[in-house]
N, C-alpha and C. Protein backbone atom coordinates (compact mmCIF):
# COMPACT_ATOMS: atom_id res chain seq x y z
N MET A 1 0.00 -6.05 27.62
CA MET A 1 0.77 -5.10 28.41
C MET A 1 1.79 -5.79 29.27
N SER A 2 1.81 -7.11 29.20
CA SER A 2 2.72 -7.87 30.04
C SER A 2 4.11 -7.92 29.43
N ARG A 3 5.11 -7.94 30.30
CA ARG A 3 6.48 -8.15 29.85
C ARG A 3 6.90 -9.59 30.11
N GLY A 4 5.95 -10.45 30.38
CA GLY A 4 6.29 -11.82 30.67
C GLY A 4 6.18 -12.74 29.48
N GLY A 5 6.52 -12.25 28.30
CA GLY A 5 6.40 -13.01 27.07
C GLY A 5 7.59 -13.91 26.85
N PRO A 6 8.20 -13.88 25.64
CA PRO A 6 9.32 -14.75 25.32
C PRO A 6 10.51 -14.49 26.23
N GLY A 7 11.42 -15.43 26.25
CA GLY A 7 12.62 -15.30 27.07
C GLY A 7 13.52 -14.20 26.56
N ARG A 8 14.55 -13.94 27.35
CA ARG A 8 15.45 -12.83 27.03
C ARG A 8 16.11 -12.99 25.68
N GLY A 9 16.33 -14.22 25.24
CA GLY A 9 17.00 -14.43 23.97
C GLY A 9 16.13 -14.12 22.76
N ALA A 10 14.82 -14.11 22.92
CA ALA A 10 13.92 -13.83 21.81
C ALA A 10 13.86 -12.33 21.55
N ALA A 11 13.53 -11.98 20.31
CA ALA A 11 13.38 -10.56 19.97
C ALA A 11 12.24 -9.97 20.77
N PRO A 12 12.46 -8.85 21.46
CA PRO A 12 11.39 -8.24 22.23
C PRO A 12 10.26 -7.75 21.31
N ARG A 13 9.05 -7.94 21.75
CA ARG A 13 7.87 -7.52 21.00
C ARG A 13 7.55 -6.08 21.41
N VAL A 14 7.71 -5.16 20.48
CA VAL A 14 7.57 -3.74 20.78
C VAL A 14 6.42 -3.15 19.98
N GLY A 15 5.43 -2.62 20.68
CA GLY A 15 4.33 -1.97 20.01
C GLY A 15 4.70 -0.57 19.56
N VAL A 16 4.18 -0.17 18.41
CA VAL A 16 4.34 1.21 17.92
C VAL A 16 2.94 1.78 17.76
N LEU A 17 2.62 2.80 18.55
CA LEU A 17 1.30 3.41 18.45
C LEU A 17 1.09 3.91 17.02
N ALA A 18 0.05 3.40 16.37
CA ALA A 18 -0.11 3.61 14.93
C ALA A 18 -1.38 4.39 14.60
N LEU A 19 -1.70 5.38 15.42
CA LEU A 19 -2.88 6.20 15.16
C LEU A 19 -2.55 7.42 14.30
N GLN A 20 -1.31 7.90 14.41
CA GLN A 20 -0.89 9.08 13.66
C GLN A 20 0.61 9.22 13.85
N GLY A 21 1.30 9.79 12.87
CA GLY A 21 2.72 10.04 13.05
C GLY A 21 3.61 9.13 12.22
N ASP A 22 4.93 9.18 12.50
CA ASP A 22 5.93 8.49 11.68
C ASP A 22 6.11 7.04 12.17
N VAL A 23 5.11 6.23 11.90
CA VAL A 23 5.08 4.85 12.41
C VAL A 23 6.07 3.97 11.67
N ARG A 24 6.09 4.05 10.34
CA ARG A 24 6.96 3.15 9.56
C ARG A 24 8.43 3.37 9.85
N GLU A 25 8.80 4.62 10.09
CA GLU A 25 10.21 4.92 10.39
C GLU A 25 10.65 4.26 11.71
N HIS A 26 9.79 4.31 12.71
CA HIS A 26 10.10 3.64 13.97
C HIS A 26 10.13 2.12 13.78
N ASP A 27 9.23 1.61 12.96
CA ASP A 27 9.20 0.17 12.68
C ASP A 27 10.54 -0.29 12.13
N ARG A 28 11.06 0.44 11.14
CA ARG A 28 12.35 0.07 10.53
C ARG A 28 13.48 0.15 11.54
N ALA A 29 13.50 1.22 12.34
CA ALA A 29 14.58 1.39 13.31
C ALA A 29 14.55 0.30 14.37
N LEU A 30 13.37 -0.10 14.81
CA LEU A 30 13.25 -1.15 15.82
C LEU A 30 13.70 -2.50 15.26
N ARG A 31 13.32 -2.79 14.02
CA ARG A 31 13.76 -4.05 13.41
C ARG A 31 15.28 -4.10 13.30
N ALA A 32 15.87 -2.98 12.92
CA ALA A 32 17.33 -2.93 12.80
C ALA A 32 18.00 -3.11 14.16
N ALA A 33 17.29 -2.74 15.24
CA ALA A 33 17.84 -2.88 16.60
C ALA A 33 17.56 -4.25 17.21
N GLY A 34 16.93 -5.13 16.44
CA GLY A 34 16.71 -6.50 16.90
C GLY A 34 15.38 -6.74 17.58
N ALA A 35 14.43 -5.80 17.43
CA ALA A 35 13.11 -5.97 18.04
C ALA A 35 12.12 -6.48 17.01
N ASP A 36 10.96 -6.91 17.51
CA ASP A 36 9.85 -7.36 16.67
C ASP A 36 8.72 -6.33 16.83
N PRO A 37 8.67 -5.31 15.95
CA PRO A 37 7.67 -4.25 16.12
C PRO A 37 6.30 -4.68 15.61
N VAL A 38 5.26 -4.22 16.31
CA VAL A 38 3.88 -4.50 15.92
C VAL A 38 3.07 -3.21 16.06
N PRO A 39 2.13 -2.94 15.15
CA PRO A 39 1.32 -1.73 15.26
C PRO A 39 0.31 -1.86 16.39
N VAL A 40 0.05 -0.76 17.06
CA VAL A 40 -0.96 -0.73 18.13
C VAL A 40 -2.04 0.26 17.73
N ARG A 41 -3.24 -0.27 17.50
CA ARG A 41 -4.39 0.57 17.15
C ARG A 41 -5.59 0.29 18.05
N ARG A 42 -5.58 -0.87 18.71
CA ARG A 42 -6.70 -1.28 19.55
C ARG A 42 -6.16 -1.78 20.88
N VAL A 43 -7.04 -1.86 21.86
CA VAL A 43 -6.63 -2.31 23.19
C VAL A 43 -6.01 -3.70 23.13
N GLU A 44 -6.59 -4.57 22.32
CA GLU A 44 -6.08 -5.94 22.26
C GLU A 44 -4.66 -6.02 21.70
N ASP A 45 -4.22 -4.99 20.98
CA ASP A 45 -2.86 -4.98 20.44
C ASP A 45 -1.80 -4.81 21.52
N LEU A 46 -2.23 -4.42 22.72
CA LEU A 46 -1.28 -4.22 23.83
C LEU A 46 -0.87 -5.52 24.50
N ALA A 47 -1.59 -6.59 24.23
CA ALA A 47 -1.32 -7.86 24.91
C ALA A 47 0.05 -8.40 24.54
N GLY A 48 0.82 -8.79 25.53
CA GLY A 48 2.10 -9.46 25.29
C GLY A 48 3.24 -8.56 24.87
N LEU A 49 3.09 -7.25 24.99
CA LEU A 49 4.17 -6.35 24.59
C LEU A 49 5.27 -6.30 25.64
N ASP A 50 6.51 -6.20 25.16
CA ASP A 50 7.66 -5.99 26.03
C ASP A 50 8.03 -4.51 26.13
N GLY A 51 7.54 -3.70 25.19
CA GLY A 51 7.83 -2.28 25.18
C GLY A 51 6.88 -1.59 24.23
N LEU A 52 6.93 -0.26 24.24
CA LEU A 52 6.00 0.53 23.42
C LEU A 52 6.69 1.81 22.97
N VAL A 53 6.45 2.19 21.72
CA VAL A 53 6.96 3.45 21.17
C VAL A 53 5.79 4.37 20.87
N LEU A 54 5.89 5.61 21.32
CA LEU A 54 4.93 6.67 21.00
C LEU A 54 5.61 7.58 20.00
N PRO A 55 5.20 7.56 18.74
CA PRO A 55 5.93 8.28 17.69
C PRO A 55 5.62 9.77 17.67
N GLY A 56 6.41 10.48 16.87
CA GLY A 56 6.13 11.88 16.63
C GLY A 56 4.86 12.04 15.81
N GLY A 57 4.36 13.25 15.79
CA GLY A 57 3.12 13.57 15.10
C GLY A 57 2.56 14.84 15.71
N GLU A 58 1.26 14.90 15.87
CA GLU A 58 0.63 16.07 16.48
C GLU A 58 0.06 15.62 17.81
N SER A 59 0.63 16.13 18.90
CA SER A 59 0.33 15.59 20.22
C SER A 59 -1.14 15.71 20.60
N THR A 60 -1.77 16.85 20.26
CA THR A 60 -3.18 16.99 20.62
C THR A 60 -4.05 16.04 19.82
N ALA A 61 -3.72 15.83 18.55
CA ALA A 61 -4.48 14.89 17.73
C ALA A 61 -4.33 13.47 18.26
N ILE A 62 -3.10 13.09 18.62
CA ILE A 62 -2.88 11.74 19.16
C ILE A 62 -3.63 11.58 20.47
N SER A 63 -3.61 12.60 21.32
CA SER A 63 -4.32 12.54 22.60
C SER A 63 -5.81 12.31 22.38
N ARG A 64 -6.40 13.02 21.42
CA ARG A 64 -7.83 12.84 21.12
C ARG A 64 -8.10 11.44 20.57
N LEU A 65 -7.23 10.96 19.68
CA LEU A 65 -7.43 9.64 19.09
C LEU A 65 -7.31 8.54 20.14
N LEU A 66 -6.43 8.71 21.11
CA LEU A 66 -6.32 7.73 22.19
C LEU A 66 -7.65 7.59 22.92
N THR A 67 -8.35 8.70 23.11
CA THR A 67 -9.65 8.66 23.77
C THR A 67 -10.70 8.03 22.86
N VAL A 68 -10.69 8.41 21.59
CA VAL A 68 -11.66 7.86 20.63
C VAL A 68 -11.55 6.35 20.52
N PHE A 69 -10.31 5.84 20.52
CA PHE A 69 -10.08 4.40 20.36
C PHE A 69 -10.00 3.66 21.70
N ASP A 70 -10.40 4.33 22.78
CA ASP A 70 -10.42 3.72 24.12
C ASP A 70 -9.05 3.17 24.52
N LEU A 71 -8.01 3.87 24.12
CA LEU A 71 -6.65 3.44 24.42
C LEU A 71 -6.01 4.23 25.54
N PHE A 72 -6.58 5.37 25.88
CA PHE A 72 -5.89 6.24 26.82
C PHE A 72 -5.68 5.58 28.17
N GLU A 73 -6.73 5.09 28.78
CA GLU A 73 -6.59 4.49 30.11
C GLU A 73 -5.72 3.24 30.09
N PRO A 74 -5.89 2.31 29.12
CA PRO A 74 -5.00 1.14 29.08
C PRO A 74 -3.53 1.52 28.90
N LEU A 75 -3.26 2.53 28.09
CA LEU A 75 -1.87 2.96 27.92
C LEU A 75 -1.32 3.60 29.19
N SER A 76 -2.13 4.43 29.82
CA SER A 76 -1.71 5.05 31.07
C SER A 76 -1.40 4.00 32.12
N GLN A 77 -2.24 2.97 32.18
CA GLN A 77 -2.02 1.88 33.13
C GLN A 77 -0.74 1.12 32.79
N ALA A 78 -0.48 0.90 31.50
CA ALA A 78 0.72 0.19 31.09
C ALA A 78 1.98 0.96 31.49
N VAL A 79 1.95 2.29 31.28
CA VAL A 79 3.09 3.11 31.66
C VAL A 79 3.32 3.06 33.17
N SER A 80 2.24 3.21 33.93
CA SER A 80 2.38 3.22 35.40
C SER A 80 2.79 1.87 35.94
N SER A 81 2.52 0.80 35.20
CA SER A 81 2.89 -0.54 35.66
C SER A 81 4.35 -0.88 35.36
N GLY A 82 5.04 0.01 34.62
CA GLY A 82 6.46 -0.20 34.38
C GLY A 82 6.82 -0.71 33.00
N LEU A 83 5.88 -0.72 32.06
CA LEU A 83 6.21 -1.12 30.69
C LEU A 83 7.22 -0.14 30.11
N PRO A 84 8.35 -0.61 29.56
CA PRO A 84 9.29 0.31 28.93
C PRO A 84 8.64 1.05 27.76
N VAL A 85 8.80 2.36 27.74
CA VAL A 85 8.17 3.20 26.73
C VAL A 85 9.19 4.22 26.22
N TYR A 86 9.19 4.43 24.90
CA TYR A 86 10.01 5.47 24.29
C TYR A 86 9.09 6.42 23.52
N GLY A 87 9.18 7.71 23.81
CA GLY A 87 8.40 8.71 23.10
C GLY A 87 9.31 9.70 22.39
N SER A 88 9.08 9.91 21.10
CA SER A 88 9.85 10.91 20.35
C SER A 88 8.92 12.08 20.00
N CYS A 89 9.40 13.30 20.26
CA CYS A 89 8.69 14.54 19.94
C CYS A 89 7.30 14.56 20.57
N ALA A 90 6.23 14.31 19.81
CA ALA A 90 4.89 14.28 20.39
C ALA A 90 4.79 13.22 21.48
N GLY A 91 5.55 12.14 21.32
CA GLY A 91 5.56 11.09 22.35
C GLY A 91 6.10 11.60 23.67
N MET A 92 7.10 12.49 23.62
CA MET A 92 7.61 13.10 24.84
C MET A 92 6.52 13.92 25.52
N ILE A 93 5.75 14.66 24.74
CA ILE A 93 4.67 15.48 25.29
C ILE A 93 3.64 14.59 25.97
N LEU A 94 3.29 13.47 25.34
CA LEU A 94 2.29 12.56 25.90
C LEU A 94 2.76 11.94 27.22
N LEU A 95 4.06 11.81 27.41
CA LEU A 95 4.60 11.18 28.61
C LEU A 95 4.87 12.18 29.74
N ALA A 96 4.86 13.47 29.43
CA ALA A 96 5.23 14.48 30.40
C ALA A 96 4.15 14.66 31.46
N GLY A 97 4.60 14.86 32.70
CA GLY A 97 3.66 15.11 33.78
C GLY A 97 2.98 16.46 33.67
N GLU A 98 3.66 17.42 33.03
CA GLU A 98 3.09 18.76 32.85
C GLU A 98 3.45 19.28 31.47
N VAL A 99 2.47 19.87 30.78
CA VAL A 99 2.68 20.40 29.44
C VAL A 99 2.32 21.88 29.42
N LEU A 100 3.25 22.70 28.95
CA LEU A 100 3.00 24.13 28.79
C LEU A 100 2.62 24.41 27.34
N ASP A 101 1.70 25.34 27.13
CA ASP A 101 1.23 25.73 25.80
C ASP A 101 0.45 24.63 25.10
N GLY A 102 -0.07 23.68 25.85
CA GLY A 102 -0.93 22.65 25.27
C GLY A 102 -2.38 23.09 25.26
N ARG A 103 -3.24 22.31 24.64
CA ARG A 103 -4.67 22.59 24.67
C ARG A 103 -5.24 22.29 26.06
N PRO A 104 -6.29 22.98 26.47
CA PRO A 104 -6.87 22.73 27.79
C PRO A 104 -7.34 21.30 27.99
N ASP A 105 -7.77 20.65 26.89
CA ASP A 105 -8.29 19.28 27.01
C ASP A 105 -7.22 18.22 26.75
N GLN A 106 -5.96 18.65 26.60
CA GLN A 106 -4.88 17.71 26.33
C GLN A 106 -4.57 16.90 27.58
N ARG A 107 -4.40 15.58 27.42
CA ARG A 107 -4.18 14.69 28.54
C ARG A 107 -2.80 14.05 28.43
N SER A 108 -2.24 13.69 29.58
CA SER A 108 -0.92 13.08 29.63
C SER A 108 -1.02 11.65 30.14
N LEU A 109 -0.20 10.79 29.56
CA LEU A 109 -0.13 9.40 30.03
C LEU A 109 0.72 9.29 31.28
N GLY A 110 1.55 10.30 31.56
CA GLY A 110 2.45 10.24 32.69
C GLY A 110 3.67 9.40 32.38
N GLY A 111 4.48 9.15 33.38
CA GLY A 111 5.70 8.37 33.20
C GLY A 111 6.96 9.17 33.39
N LEU A 112 6.89 10.49 33.12
CA LEU A 112 8.06 11.35 33.26
C LEU A 112 7.74 12.53 34.17
N ASP A 113 8.56 12.72 35.19
CA ASP A 113 8.42 13.86 36.09
C ASP A 113 9.11 15.06 35.47
N VAL A 114 8.53 15.56 34.39
CA VAL A 114 9.10 16.70 33.67
C VAL A 114 7.99 17.67 33.28
N THR A 115 8.40 18.90 33.04
CA THR A 115 7.54 19.90 32.43
C THR A 115 8.10 20.18 31.05
N VAL A 116 7.28 20.00 30.02
CA VAL A 116 7.73 20.28 28.65
C VAL A 116 6.91 21.42 28.07
N ARG A 117 7.54 22.15 27.17
CA ARG A 117 6.85 23.21 26.45
C ARG A 117 6.59 22.73 25.03
N ARG A 118 5.33 22.65 24.68
CA ARG A 118 4.91 22.17 23.36
C ARG A 118 5.32 23.18 22.28
N ASN A 119 5.81 22.67 21.14
CA ASN A 119 6.24 23.52 20.02
C ASN A 119 7.22 24.60 20.47
N ALA A 120 8.10 24.24 21.40
CA ALA A 120 9.01 25.24 21.98
C ALA A 120 9.97 25.83 20.95
N PHE A 121 10.36 25.04 19.96
CA PHE A 121 11.33 25.51 18.98
C PHE A 121 10.68 26.29 17.84
N GLY A 122 9.35 26.42 17.87
CA GLY A 122 8.67 27.19 16.83
C GLY A 122 7.84 26.33 15.91
N ARG A 123 7.43 26.92 14.81
CA ARG A 123 6.54 26.27 13.85
C ARG A 123 7.32 25.36 12.91
N GLN A 124 6.58 24.74 11.99
CA GLN A 124 7.19 23.80 11.04
C GLN A 124 8.36 24.45 10.29
N VAL A 125 8.21 25.73 9.93
CA VAL A 125 9.27 26.41 9.16
C VAL A 125 10.53 26.62 10.01
N ASP A 126 10.40 26.48 11.32
CA ASP A 126 11.55 26.66 12.21
C ASP A 126 12.28 25.34 12.50
N SER A 127 11.89 24.28 11.82
CA SER A 127 12.55 22.99 12.01
C SER A 127 14.04 23.12 11.69
N PHE A 128 14.86 22.34 12.40
CA PHE A 128 16.31 22.45 12.20
C PHE A 128 16.98 21.14 12.59
N GLU A 129 18.27 21.04 12.27
CA GLU A 129 19.07 19.87 12.60
C GLU A 129 20.35 20.33 13.29
N THR A 130 20.84 19.50 14.20
CA THR A 130 22.10 19.80 14.87
C THR A 130 22.67 18.51 15.45
N ASP A 131 23.92 18.56 15.87
CA ASP A 131 24.55 17.41 16.51
C ASP A 131 24.52 17.59 18.03
N LEU A 132 24.18 16.51 18.73
CA LEU A 132 24.06 16.54 20.18
C LEU A 132 25.00 15.52 20.81
N ALA A 133 25.47 15.81 22.00
CA ALA A 133 26.17 14.82 22.82
C ALA A 133 25.10 14.09 23.63
N PHE A 134 24.89 12.82 23.32
CA PHE A 134 23.83 12.02 23.95
C PHE A 134 24.50 11.03 24.90
N GLU A 135 24.23 11.18 26.19
CA GLU A 135 24.89 10.34 27.19
C GLU A 135 24.62 8.86 26.94
N GLY A 136 25.68 8.07 26.93
CA GLY A 136 25.56 6.64 26.72
C GLY A 136 25.46 6.23 25.27
N VAL A 137 25.35 7.19 24.36
CA VAL A 137 25.21 6.89 22.93
C VAL A 137 26.35 7.51 22.14
N GLY A 138 26.67 8.76 22.42
CA GLY A 138 27.70 9.47 21.68
C GLY A 138 27.11 10.66 20.94
N SER A 139 27.81 11.11 19.91
CA SER A 139 27.32 12.23 19.12
C SER A 139 26.18 11.77 18.23
N VAL A 140 25.07 12.48 18.28
CA VAL A 140 23.86 12.11 17.53
C VAL A 140 23.43 13.29 16.69
N HIS A 141 23.13 13.02 15.42
CA HIS A 141 22.57 14.07 14.56
C HIS A 141 21.07 14.10 14.79
N ALA A 142 20.56 15.23 15.25
CA ALA A 142 19.17 15.32 15.68
C ALA A 142 18.35 16.21 14.76
N VAL A 143 17.14 15.73 14.43
CA VAL A 143 16.19 16.46 13.60
C VAL A 143 15.04 16.94 14.48
N PHE A 144 14.83 18.25 14.53
CA PHE A 144 13.77 18.85 15.35
C PHE A 144 12.68 19.39 14.44
N ILE A 145 11.44 18.93 14.65
CA ILE A 145 10.29 19.37 13.85
C ILE A 145 9.17 19.78 14.80
N ARG A 146 8.92 21.06 14.92
CA ARG A 146 7.89 21.57 15.85
C ARG A 146 8.05 20.89 17.21
N ALA A 147 9.27 20.88 17.68
CA ALA A 147 9.64 20.03 18.82
C ALA A 147 9.39 20.72 20.17
N PRO A 148 9.16 19.91 21.20
CA PRO A 148 9.12 20.44 22.56
C PRO A 148 10.53 20.50 23.13
N TRP A 149 10.65 21.16 24.27
CA TRP A 149 11.85 21.00 25.08
C TRP A 149 11.44 20.84 26.53
N VAL A 150 12.35 20.36 27.36
CA VAL A 150 12.07 20.13 28.77
C VAL A 150 12.47 21.37 29.56
N GLU A 151 11.53 21.96 30.27
CA GLU A 151 11.83 23.15 31.08
C GLU A 151 12.13 22.79 32.53
N ARG A 152 11.63 21.65 32.99
CA ARG A 152 11.91 21.21 34.36
C ARG A 152 12.03 19.69 34.36
N ALA A 153 13.04 19.18 35.02
CA ALA A 153 13.22 17.74 35.18
C ALA A 153 13.32 17.42 36.66
N GLY A 154 12.51 16.48 37.12
CA GLY A 154 12.53 16.08 38.51
C GLY A 154 13.82 15.39 38.90
N GLU A 155 14.00 15.19 40.19
CA GLU A 155 15.25 14.61 40.70
C GLU A 155 15.50 13.20 40.18
N SER A 156 14.44 12.46 39.89
CA SER A 156 14.60 11.09 39.43
C SER A 156 14.76 10.98 37.93
N VAL A 157 14.80 12.11 37.25
CA VAL A 157 14.92 12.14 35.79
C VAL A 157 16.38 12.34 35.40
N GLN A 158 16.88 11.48 34.53
CA GLN A 158 18.25 11.58 34.02
C GLN A 158 18.25 12.38 32.72
N VAL A 159 18.99 13.47 32.70
CA VAL A 159 19.12 14.27 31.48
C VAL A 159 20.18 13.64 30.59
N LEU A 160 19.79 13.32 29.35
CA LEU A 160 20.68 12.62 28.43
C LEU A 160 21.28 13.53 27.35
N ALA A 161 20.58 14.59 26.99
CA ALA A 161 21.09 15.47 25.92
C ALA A 161 20.49 16.86 26.05
N ARG A 162 21.29 17.85 25.64
CA ARG A 162 20.87 19.25 25.60
C ARG A 162 21.25 19.84 24.25
N VAL A 163 20.56 20.91 23.87
CA VAL A 163 20.95 21.66 22.67
C VAL A 163 22.29 22.33 22.95
N PRO A 164 23.28 22.14 22.08
CA PRO A 164 24.59 22.76 22.33
C PRO A 164 24.48 24.28 22.38
N ALA A 165 25.08 24.87 23.40
CA ALA A 165 25.05 26.33 23.53
C ALA A 165 25.79 26.99 22.37
N THR A 166 26.82 26.33 21.85
CA THR A 166 27.60 26.92 20.76
C THR A 166 26.78 27.02 19.48
N ASP A 167 25.86 26.06 19.26
CA ASP A 167 25.02 26.09 18.07
C ASP A 167 23.91 27.13 18.20
N ALA A 168 23.32 27.21 19.40
CA ALA A 168 22.16 28.07 19.57
C ALA A 168 22.53 29.51 19.88
N GLY A 169 23.77 29.75 20.29
CA GLY A 169 24.19 31.10 20.61
C GLY A 169 23.36 31.70 21.72
N ALA A 170 22.83 32.90 21.47
CA ALA A 170 22.01 33.57 22.47
C ALA A 170 20.55 33.15 22.41
N SER A 171 20.24 32.19 21.58
CA SER A 171 18.86 31.73 21.43
C SER A 171 18.34 31.14 22.73
N PRO A 172 17.02 31.24 23.00
CA PRO A 172 16.45 30.59 24.18
C PRO A 172 16.61 29.07 24.16
N ALA A 173 16.92 28.52 22.99
CA ALA A 173 17.10 27.06 22.90
C ALA A 173 18.43 26.59 23.46
N ALA A 174 19.40 27.49 23.63
CA ALA A 174 20.73 27.10 24.09
C ALA A 174 20.66 26.39 25.43
N GLY A 175 21.21 25.19 25.47
CA GLY A 175 21.27 24.43 26.71
C GLY A 175 19.98 23.74 27.11
N ARG A 176 18.94 23.82 26.29
CA ARG A 176 17.66 23.19 26.64
C ARG A 176 17.78 21.66 26.62
N VAL A 177 17.07 21.04 27.54
CA VAL A 177 17.07 19.58 27.64
C VAL A 177 16.18 18.99 26.56
N VAL A 178 16.72 18.02 25.79
CA VAL A 178 15.96 17.45 24.68
C VAL A 178 15.94 15.92 24.69
N ALA A 179 16.52 15.30 25.71
CA ALA A 179 16.43 13.85 25.86
C ALA A 179 16.53 13.51 27.34
N VAL A 180 15.62 12.65 27.80
CA VAL A 180 15.58 12.29 29.22
C VAL A 180 15.23 10.81 29.37
N ARG A 181 15.55 10.30 30.56
CA ARG A 181 15.15 8.95 30.92
C ARG A 181 14.74 8.94 32.40
N GLN A 182 13.67 8.23 32.68
CA GLN A 182 13.26 8.01 34.06
C GLN A 182 12.87 6.54 34.19
N GLY A 183 13.76 5.75 34.78
CA GLY A 183 13.49 4.31 34.88
C GLY A 183 13.33 3.68 33.51
N PRO A 184 12.18 3.03 33.24
CA PRO A 184 11.98 2.37 31.96
C PRO A 184 11.41 3.29 30.88
N VAL A 185 11.36 4.59 31.13
CA VAL A 185 10.77 5.53 30.18
C VAL A 185 11.85 6.42 29.58
N LEU A 186 11.90 6.46 28.25
CA LEU A 186 12.87 7.24 27.49
C LEU A 186 12.11 8.22 26.60
N ALA A 187 12.62 9.43 26.45
CA ALA A 187 11.95 10.40 25.57
C ALA A 187 12.98 11.33 24.95
N THR A 188 12.72 11.69 23.69
CA THR A 188 13.55 12.67 22.98
C THR A 188 12.65 13.70 22.32
N SER A 189 13.13 14.95 22.27
CA SER A 189 12.41 15.99 21.54
C SER A 189 12.55 15.81 20.04
N PHE A 190 13.59 15.13 19.62
CA PHE A 190 13.92 15.01 18.21
C PHE A 190 13.54 13.64 17.67
N HIS A 191 13.82 13.43 16.38
CA HIS A 191 13.35 12.25 15.64
C HIS A 191 14.53 11.39 15.17
N PRO A 192 15.08 10.51 16.00
CA PRO A 192 16.19 9.67 15.53
C PRO A 192 15.76 8.69 14.44
N GLU A 193 14.47 8.41 14.36
CA GLU A 193 13.98 7.47 13.35
C GLU A 193 14.10 8.02 11.93
N LEU A 194 14.36 9.34 11.80
CA LEU A 194 14.43 9.97 10.48
C LEU A 194 15.85 10.06 9.93
N THR A 195 16.85 9.71 10.72
CA THR A 195 18.24 9.94 10.31
C THR A 195 18.96 8.67 9.86
N GLY A 196 18.39 7.51 10.11
CA GLY A 196 19.09 6.27 9.78
C GLY A 196 20.07 5.84 10.84
N ASP A 197 20.21 6.61 11.92
CA ASP A 197 21.07 6.25 13.04
C ASP A 197 20.22 5.52 14.07
N GLY A 198 20.47 4.22 14.23
CA GLY A 198 19.61 3.40 15.07
C GLY A 198 20.04 3.29 16.51
N ARG A 199 21.01 4.11 16.96
CA ARG A 199 21.55 3.91 18.31
C ARG A 199 20.58 4.27 19.43
N VAL A 200 19.71 5.25 19.22
CA VAL A 200 18.73 5.57 20.25
C VAL A 200 17.72 4.44 20.39
N HIS A 201 17.30 3.88 19.27
CA HIS A 201 16.39 2.74 19.33
C HIS A 201 17.08 1.52 19.94
N ALA A 202 18.38 1.36 19.63
CA ALA A 202 19.13 0.26 20.25
C ALA A 202 19.21 0.44 21.76
N LEU A 203 19.37 1.68 22.21
CA LEU A 203 19.36 1.96 23.65
C LEU A 203 18.02 1.55 24.25
N PHE A 204 16.94 1.88 23.57
CA PHE A 204 15.62 1.53 24.09
C PHE A 204 15.44 0.00 24.14
N VAL A 205 15.90 -0.70 23.11
CA VAL A 205 15.81 -2.16 23.12
C VAL A 205 16.64 -2.73 24.27
N ASP A 206 17.79 -2.14 24.54
CA ASP A 206 18.59 -2.57 25.70
C ASP A 206 17.81 -2.35 27.00
N MET A 207 17.10 -1.24 27.10
CA MET A 207 16.28 -0.97 28.29
C MET A 207 15.20 -2.04 28.46
N ILE A 208 14.62 -2.45 27.34
CA ILE A 208 13.60 -3.51 27.39
C ILE A 208 14.21 -4.81 27.86
N GLN A 209 15.39 -5.14 27.33
CA GLN A 209 16.04 -6.38 27.74
C GLN A 209 16.40 -6.35 29.21
N GLU A 210 16.80 -5.18 29.72
CA GLU A 210 17.07 -5.05 31.15
C GLU A 210 15.79 -5.34 31.95
N ALA A 211 14.68 -4.80 31.49
CA ALA A 211 13.41 -5.00 32.20
C ALA A 211 12.97 -6.46 32.15
N ARG A 212 13.28 -7.13 31.04
CA ARG A 212 12.90 -8.55 30.90
C ARG A 212 13.83 -9.45 31.68
N GLY A 213 15.06 -8.95 31.95
CA GLY A 213 16.11 -9.80 32.49
C GLY A 213 15.84 -10.36 33.86
């Protein structure tokens, strides 16, 4: 869980939680961004990490598996200690301070002063794609799959992207927050690892390098 590993010039060692979800896609995107990704399945896999990715998947299943594999408390401690973390889709839910429409036994790792609504965009059949203006990155093609959205963001949370009102029209999704950053924690409702556009992962690697610097 330490960020005191190799020097700034070395590729940052980034763990990818590998209990469920799109692990290989994040692995490829991180490698393309100049990181050294490693799977995280056990507590000992957290040693020496410079950053961590929480992939998309099913948030309640991942939450249960974290408890089964005795990873929940170590991960929560890592987040609170300032380890840079990026969560996509289910990962955003796991990092949120408050989750709406979640299971009663669902637990949060913390890290983001936000309230998110689980499966806010609907079921799997309601998945969609659109282009977003992502602050600091540019126009991003975003894939939403049973995605959450952010209903409340605290004062210390930087909003990076919203659903374009022109695309959503009168839909409740219009203008919803779908990407945020709070210090070393980054989260998106969508899946940049599925599009071949590595700029969001490159942003996260830059955040890790800042933390190591």
